[in-house]
Amino acid sequence: MPLTSLQFSILSDRFAICRLAPQAEIPKWAMSRSGFYSVSRAADELSVVCVEDRVPAEVKSERGWICFKLEGPFPFSQTGVLASFIGPLAESAIPIFAISTFDTDYVLVKEEFRKNALSVLQLAGHKLITA
C-alpha cells in the first residue's frame, strides 16, 4: 500500500497521558489486559498512556485524547509511514502524541480536534476503517 493511502482505525476509549517520577513503579492502574496502554521510562520521567478513567485524580496528566491506530504491520525497512500520517495534521496545526510499537504506530489527538483531524487525514488520502 502506498504511503499516501494508509488505513487507520479509532480506538474506542479516551486516553490520558501521564507523567510520573523517574523512579516510580509502573502503576497497576495503568495496565489493561484487553486494551491499549503504553509505558516509557527515561532518565527524567516515567510516561504512561492509558484509558483516562483509570488515572487517579492526583496524577499529573493530560486527559481527553482519542487514539488513531495505523493498520500495520509495517516492516522496519519501510520509511515515512508515520510522517505521511502526521504531516497533514502538523500542516493543519493539530497537535499529536505519537507512540510506535513493533508492528505499527498510534497517534493520539485531543478530542477537540477529532472532527478536523478526521477531515484532514481523509483529504490526505488516508482511509478510516471501522470494525
N, C-alpha and C. Protein backbone atom coordinates (compact mmCIF):
# COMPACT_ATOMS: atom_id res chain seq x y z
N MET A 1 0.85 -1.18 0.00
CA MET A 1 0.00 0.00 0.00
C MET A 1 0.89 1.24 0.00
N PRO A 2 0.65 2.19 -0.88
CA PRO A 2 1.47 3.39 -0.90
C PRO A 2 1.29 4.20 0.38
N LEU A 3 2.33 4.91 0.73
CA LEU A 3 2.28 5.71 1.96
C LEU A 3 1.23 6.81 1.90
N THR A 4 0.79 7.18 0.72
CA THR A 4 -0.22 8.22 0.63
C THR A 4 -1.60 7.68 0.96
N SER A 5 -1.74 6.40 1.19
CA SER A 5 -3.05 5.82 1.45
C SER A 5 -2.97 4.79 2.58
N LEU A 6 -2.79 5.27 3.79
CA LEU A 6 -2.76 4.39 4.94
C LEU A 6 -4.18 4.14 5.44
N GLN A 7 -4.40 2.98 6.03
CA GLN A 7 -5.66 2.69 6.68
C GLN A 7 -5.45 2.88 8.18
N PHE A 8 -6.49 3.43 8.83
CA PHE A 8 -6.40 3.63 10.27
C PHE A 8 -7.77 3.42 10.90
N SER A 9 -7.75 3.12 12.19
CA SER A 9 -8.98 2.97 12.95
C SER A 9 -8.89 3.88 14.17
N ILE A 10 -10.00 4.02 14.87
CA ILE A 10 -10.03 4.83 16.09
C ILE A 10 -10.34 3.90 17.25
N LEU A 11 -9.48 3.88 18.26
CA LEU A 11 -9.74 3.07 19.45
C LEU A 11 -10.95 3.67 20.18
N SER A 12 -11.71 2.82 20.83
CA SER A 12 -12.98 3.27 21.41
C SER A 12 -12.85 4.07 22.70
N ASP A 13 -11.75 3.98 23.40
CA ASP A 13 -11.59 4.67 24.68
C ASP A 13 -11.04 6.08 24.50
N ARG A 14 -11.19 6.88 25.56
CA ARG A 14 -10.48 8.16 25.67
C ARG A 14 -9.28 7.91 26.56
N PHE A 15 -8.19 8.62 26.27
CA PHE A 15 -6.92 8.34 26.93
C PHE A 15 -6.37 9.56 27.67
N ALA A 16 -5.47 9.27 28.60
CA ALA A 16 -4.72 10.29 29.32
C ALA A 16 -3.24 10.01 29.12
N ILE A 17 -2.46 11.06 29.07
CA ILE A 17 -1.01 10.96 29.01
C ILE A 17 -0.50 11.45 30.36
N CYS A 18 0.20 10.59 31.07
CA CYS A 18 0.60 10.86 32.45
C CYS A 18 2.11 10.95 32.58
N ARG A 19 2.54 11.80 33.52
CA ARG A 19 3.96 11.93 33.84
C ARG A 19 4.15 11.60 35.30
N LEU A 20 4.99 10.60 35.56
CA LEU A 20 5.31 10.21 36.92
C LEU A 20 6.80 10.41 37.15
N ALA A 21 7.20 10.31 38.39
CA ALA A 21 8.62 10.45 38.74
C ALA A 21 9.44 9.36 38.06
N PRO A 22 10.69 9.65 37.74
CA PRO A 22 11.51 8.67 37.02
C PRO A 22 11.71 7.36 37.77
N GLN A 23 11.70 7.40 39.08
CA GLN A 23 11.92 6.18 39.86
C GLN A 23 10.62 5.47 40.22
N ALA A 24 9.48 6.01 39.81
CA ALA A 24 8.18 5.42 40.15
C ALA A 24 8.03 4.01 39.56
N GLU A 25 7.34 3.18 40.30
CA GLU A 25 6.99 1.86 39.78
C GLU A 25 5.94 2.03 38.69
N ILE A 26 5.89 1.09 37.77
CA ILE A 26 4.84 1.13 36.76
C ILE A 26 3.51 0.87 37.48
N PRO A 27 2.59 1.81 37.42
CA PRO A 27 1.37 1.68 38.21
C PRO A 27 0.41 0.62 37.66
N LYS A 28 -0.15 -0.15 38.58
CA LYS A 28 -1.10 -1.19 38.19
C LYS A 28 -2.34 -0.60 37.54
N TRP A 29 -2.74 0.61 37.97
CA TRP A 29 -3.93 1.22 37.39
C TRP A 29 -3.79 1.50 35.90
N ALA A 30 -2.57 1.60 35.42
CA ALA A 30 -2.35 1.92 34.00
C ALA A 30 -2.54 0.72 33.09
N MET A 31 -2.32 -0.44 33.63
CA MET A 31 -2.29 -1.64 32.80
C MET A 31 -3.69 -2.19 32.53
N SER A 32 -3.86 -2.63 31.30
CA SER A 32 -5.12 -3.22 30.88
C SER A 32 -4.82 -4.46 30.05
N ARG A 33 -5.46 -5.54 30.36
CA ARG A 33 -5.23 -6.77 29.59
C ARG A 33 -5.96 -6.76 28.26
N SER A 34 -6.99 -5.96 28.14
CA SER A 34 -7.79 -6.00 26.93
C SER A 34 -7.66 -4.77 26.04
N GLY A 35 -6.98 -3.75 26.52
CA GLY A 35 -6.91 -2.53 25.75
C GLY A 35 -5.51 -2.00 25.57
N PHE A 36 -5.42 -0.83 25.00
CA PHE A 36 -4.15 -0.20 24.69
C PHE A 36 -3.63 0.59 25.89
N TYR A 37 -2.37 0.44 26.18
CA TYR A 37 -1.65 1.32 27.10
C TYR A 37 -0.18 1.28 26.71
N SER A 38 0.55 2.30 27.13
CA SER A 38 1.97 2.38 26.80
C SER A 38 2.72 2.96 27.98
N VAL A 39 3.88 2.40 28.25
CA VAL A 39 4.73 2.87 29.33
C VAL A 39 6.13 3.11 28.76
N SER A 40 6.67 4.29 29.02
CA SER A 40 8.04 4.63 28.59
C SER A 40 8.79 5.24 29.76
N ARG A 41 9.97 4.71 30.01
CA ARG A 41 10.81 5.26 31.08
C ARG A 41 12.03 5.92 30.45
N ALA A 42 12.32 7.12 30.95
CA ALA A 42 13.54 7.83 30.57
C ALA A 42 14.24 8.23 31.87
N ALA A 43 15.42 8.79 31.75
CA ALA A 43 16.18 9.17 32.94
C ALA A 43 15.43 10.17 33.81
N ASP A 44 14.60 10.99 33.19
CA ASP A 44 13.95 12.05 33.96
C ASP A 44 12.42 11.93 34.09
N GLU A 45 11.85 10.82 33.64
CA GLU A 45 10.40 10.65 33.79
C GLU A 45 9.95 9.24 33.47
N LEU A 46 8.77 8.92 33.96
CA LEU A 46 8.04 7.72 33.56
C LEU A 46 6.76 8.23 32.92
N SER A 47 6.57 7.94 31.64
CA SER A 47 5.37 8.36 30.92
C SER A 47 4.44 7.18 30.75
N VAL A 48 3.16 7.43 30.99
CA VAL A 48 2.16 6.39 30.86
C VAL A 48 1.01 6.95 30.02
N VAL A 49 0.59 6.17 29.05
CA VAL A 49 -0.61 6.47 28.28
C VAL A 49 -1.58 5.34 28.55
N CYS A 50 -2.77 5.68 29.03
CA CYS A 50 -3.75 4.65 29.36
C CYS A 50 -5.15 5.23 29.30
N VAL A 51 -6.12 4.36 29.49
CA VAL A 51 -7.51 4.79 29.49
C VAL A 51 -7.70 5.85 30.57
N GLU A 52 -8.30 6.94 30.18
CA GLU A 52 -8.46 8.11 31.04
C GLU A 52 -9.14 7.80 32.38
N ASP A 53 -10.15 6.96 32.37
CA ASP A 53 -10.90 6.65 33.59
C ASP A 53 -10.08 5.92 34.65
N ARG A 54 -8.95 5.34 34.27
CA ARG A 54 -8.13 4.58 35.22
C ARG A 54 -7.15 5.45 35.99
N VAL A 55 -6.95 6.69 35.57
CA VAL A 55 -5.93 7.56 36.15
C VAL A 55 -6.45 8.24 37.42
N PRO A 56 -5.76 8.05 38.55
CA PRO A 56 -6.16 8.74 39.79
C PRO A 56 -6.08 10.26 39.63
N ALA A 57 -6.96 10.96 40.29
CA ALA A 57 -7.06 12.42 40.16
C ALA A 57 -5.75 13.14 40.50
N GLU A 58 -4.97 12.59 41.43
CA GLU A 58 -3.75 13.29 41.87
C GLU A 58 -2.56 13.12 40.92
N VAL A 59 -2.69 12.29 39.91
CA VAL A 59 -1.59 12.04 38.98
C VAL A 59 -1.53 13.15 37.93
N LYS A 60 -0.33 13.69 37.71
CA LYS A 60 -0.15 14.72 36.68
C LYS A 60 -0.46 14.09 35.32
N SER A 61 -1.48 14.64 34.66
CA SER A 61 -1.88 14.04 33.39
C SER A 61 -2.55 15.06 32.49
N GLU A 62 -2.56 14.73 31.25
CA GLU A 62 -3.27 15.48 30.22
C GLU A 62 -4.34 14.52 29.70
N ARG A 63 -5.58 14.85 29.92
CA ARG A 63 -6.70 13.96 29.58
C ARG A 63 -7.39 14.41 28.30
N GLY A 64 -8.29 13.55 27.82
CA GLY A 64 -9.13 13.92 26.69
C GLY A 64 -8.54 13.63 25.32
N TRP A 65 -7.77 12.57 25.21
CA TRP A 65 -7.16 12.19 23.93
C TRP A 65 -7.92 11.03 23.30
N ILE A 66 -8.03 11.07 21.97
CA ILE A 66 -8.51 9.91 21.22
C ILE A 66 -7.29 9.30 20.54
N CYS A 67 -7.40 8.05 20.13
CA CYS A 67 -6.23 7.35 19.59
C CYS A 67 -6.53 6.75 18.23
N PHE A 68 -5.74 7.15 17.24
CA PHE A 68 -5.80 6.56 15.91
C PHE A 68 -4.75 5.45 15.83
N LYS A 69 -5.16 4.30 15.36
CA LYS A 69 -4.23 3.17 15.17
C LYS A 69 -3.98 3.00 13.68
N LEU A 70 -2.74 3.13 13.26
CA LEU A 70 -2.40 2.85 11.87
C LEU A 70 -2.43 1.34 11.69
N GLU A 71 -3.10 0.89 10.66
CA GLU A 71 -3.28 -0.55 10.46
C GLU A 71 -2.03 -1.13 9.81
N GLY A 72 -1.17 -1.69 10.64
CA GLY A 72 0.06 -2.34 10.19
C GLY A 72 -0.18 -3.82 10.06
N PRO A 73 0.86 -4.61 10.11
CA PRO A 73 2.22 -4.19 10.47
C PRO A 73 2.96 -3.55 9.30
N PHE A 74 3.95 -2.75 9.69
CA PHE A 74 4.83 -2.11 8.72
C PHE A 74 6.24 -2.64 8.94
N PRO A 75 6.93 -3.06 7.90
CA PRO A 75 8.31 -3.52 8.08
C PRO A 75 9.21 -2.36 8.48
N PHE A 76 10.23 -2.66 9.25
CA PHE A 76 11.16 -1.62 9.70
C PHE A 76 11.84 -0.93 8.52
N SER A 77 11.95 -1.60 7.40
CA SER A 77 12.61 -1.02 6.23
C SER A 77 11.73 0.00 5.50
N GLN A 78 10.44 0.03 5.81
CA GLN A 78 9.53 0.98 5.16
C GLN A 78 9.66 2.32 5.86
N THR A 79 10.00 3.33 5.09
CA THR A 79 10.22 4.66 5.66
C THR A 79 9.05 5.58 5.38
N GLY A 80 8.88 6.56 6.24
CA GLY A 80 7.89 7.60 6.01
C GLY A 80 6.47 7.28 6.42
N VAL A 81 6.25 6.14 7.06
CA VAL A 81 4.88 5.76 7.43
C VAL A 81 4.28 6.80 8.38
N LEU A 82 4.92 7.00 9.51
CA LEU A 82 4.40 7.94 10.49
C LEU A 82 4.38 9.37 9.94
N ALA A 83 5.41 9.75 9.22
CA ALA A 83 5.49 11.10 8.66
C ALA A 83 4.34 11.37 7.69
N SER A 84 3.96 10.38 6.90
CA SER A 84 2.87 10.59 5.95
C SER A 84 1.53 10.77 6.65
N PHE A 85 1.42 10.25 7.86
CA PHE A 85 0.18 10.36 8.62
C PHE A 85 0.13 11.65 9.43
N ILE A 86 1.24 11.98 10.10
CA ILE A 86 1.22 13.17 10.96
C ILE A 86 1.53 14.47 10.21
N GLY A 87 2.13 14.36 9.04
CA GLY A 87 2.42 15.56 8.25
C GLY A 87 1.20 16.43 7.99
N PRO A 88 0.12 15.84 7.47
CA PRO A 88 -1.08 16.66 7.24
C PRO A 88 -1.67 17.24 8.53
N LEU A 89 -1.54 16.52 9.63
CA LEU A 89 -2.02 17.04 10.91
C LEU A 89 -1.18 18.25 11.33
N ALA A 90 0.14 18.14 11.19
CA ALA A 90 1.02 19.26 11.53
C ALA A 90 0.73 20.49 10.66
N GLU A 91 0.51 20.25 9.38
CA GLU A 91 0.22 21.36 8.47
C GLU A 91 -1.09 22.06 8.83
N SER A 92 -1.98 21.36 9.51
CA SER A 92 -3.26 21.93 9.94
C SER A 92 -3.23 22.35 11.41
N ALA A 93 -2.04 22.41 11.99
CA ALA A 93 -1.84 22.85 13.38
C ALA A 93 -2.61 22.00 14.38
N ILE A 94 -2.67 20.69 14.12
CA ILE A 94 -3.31 19.76 15.04
C ILE A 94 -2.22 19.06 15.84
N PRO A 95 -2.14 19.32 17.15
CA PRO A 95 -1.10 18.70 17.95
C PRO A 95 -1.35 17.20 18.13
N ILE A 96 -0.27 16.44 18.19
CA ILE A 96 -0.36 14.99 18.31
C ILE A 96 0.60 14.48 19.38
N PHE A 97 0.38 13.23 19.78
CA PHE A 97 1.30 12.48 20.62
C PHE A 97 1.41 11.12 19.96
N ALA A 98 2.60 10.74 19.51
CA ALA A 98 2.78 9.50 18.75
C ALA A 98 3.49 8.44 19.58
N ILE A 99 3.06 7.20 19.36
CA ILE A 99 3.67 6.05 20.02
C ILE A 99 3.88 4.97 18.95
N SER A 100 5.06 4.42 18.92
CA SER A 100 5.34 3.33 17.98
C SER A 100 5.51 2.03 18.73
N THR A 101 5.02 0.95 18.12
CA THR A 101 5.22 -0.39 18.64
C THR A 101 5.97 -1.19 17.59
N PHE A 102 6.19 -2.45 17.84
CA PHE A 102 6.91 -3.29 16.89
C PHE A 102 6.20 -3.33 15.54
N ASP A 103 4.88 -3.44 15.55
CA ASP A 103 4.12 -3.62 14.31
C ASP A 103 3.56 -2.35 13.71
N THR A 104 3.28 -1.34 14.53
CA THR A 104 2.53 -0.20 13.99
C THR A 104 2.76 1.06 14.79
N ASP A 105 1.98 2.08 14.48
CA ASP A 105 2.05 3.36 15.15
C ASP A 105 0.67 3.76 15.64
N TYR A 106 0.65 4.50 16.74
CA TYR A 106 -0.57 5.05 17.31
C TYR A 106 -0.38 6.56 17.40
N VAL A 107 -1.40 7.30 17.01
CA VAL A 107 -1.32 8.75 17.05
C VAL A 107 -2.49 9.26 17.87
N LEU A 108 -2.18 9.93 18.97
CA LEU A 108 -3.21 10.49 19.83
C LEU A 108 -3.43 11.96 19.48
N VAL A 109 -4.71 12.34 19.47
CA VAL A 109 -5.15 13.70 19.16
C VAL A 109 -6.17 14.09 20.21
N LYS A 110 -6.12 15.32 20.66
CA LYS A 110 -7.11 15.78 21.63
C LYS A 110 -8.51 15.69 21.02
N GLU A 111 -9.47 15.31 21.85
CA GLU A 111 -10.86 15.13 21.42
C GLU A 111 -11.38 16.36 20.67
N GLU A 112 -11.00 17.54 21.10
CA GLU A 112 -11.50 18.77 20.46
C GLU A 112 -11.05 18.91 19.01
N PHE A 113 -10.00 18.18 18.60
CA PHE A 113 -9.51 18.22 17.22
C PHE A 113 -10.02 17.04 16.38
N ARG A 114 -10.85 16.19 16.95
CA ARG A 114 -11.29 14.96 16.29
C ARG A 114 -11.86 15.21 14.88
N LYS A 115 -12.86 16.05 14.79
CA LYS A 115 -13.54 16.28 13.51
C LYS A 115 -12.57 16.83 12.47
N ASN A 116 -11.79 17.82 12.86
CA ASN A 116 -10.82 18.41 11.94
C ASN A 116 -9.75 17.40 11.54
N ALA A 117 -9.25 16.63 12.50
CA ALA A 117 -8.22 15.63 12.20
C ALA A 117 -8.73 14.59 11.21
N LEU A 118 -9.93 14.09 11.42
CA LEU A 118 -10.50 13.10 10.51
C LEU A 118 -10.64 13.67 9.09
N SER A 119 -11.09 14.89 8.99
CA SER A 119 -11.23 15.53 7.69
C SER A 119 -9.87 15.68 7.00
N VAL A 120 -8.89 16.17 7.74
CA VAL A 120 -7.55 16.38 7.20
C VAL A 120 -6.93 15.05 6.74
N LEU A 121 -7.06 14.02 7.55
CA LEU A 121 -6.48 12.72 7.21
C LEU A 121 -7.14 12.12 5.97
N GLN A 122 -8.44 12.23 5.88
CA GLN A 122 -9.13 11.67 4.73
C GLN A 122 -8.83 12.47 3.47
N LEU A 123 -8.72 13.79 3.59
CA LEU A 123 -8.33 14.61 2.43
C LEU A 123 -6.91 14.27 1.97
N ALA A 124 -6.06 13.82 2.90
CA ALA A 124 -4.70 13.43 2.55
C ALA A 124 -4.64 12.03 1.93
N GLY A 125 -5.77 11.37 1.83
CA GLY A 125 -5.81 10.05 1.19
C GLY A 125 -5.83 8.86 2.12
N HIS A 126 -5.85 9.11 3.42
CA HIS A 126 -5.88 8.02 4.40
C HIS A 126 -7.33 7.57 4.60
N LYS A 127 -7.50 6.30 4.89
CA LYS A 127 -8.84 5.72 4.96
C LYS A 127 -9.17 5.23 6.36
N LEU A 128 -10.26 5.78 6.92
CA LEU A 128 -10.76 5.33 8.21
C LEU A 128 -11.50 4.02 8.01
N ILE A 129 -11.11 3.00 8.78
CA ILE A 129 -11.83 1.73 8.73
C ILE A 129 -12.52 1.52 10.06
N THR A 130 -13.65 0.88 10.02
CA THR A 130 -14.39 0.60 11.25
C THR A 130 -14.58 -0.91 11.38
N ALA A 131 -14.71 -1.35 12.61
CA ALA A 131 -14.85 -2.78 12.87
C ALA A 131 -16.21 -3.30 12.49
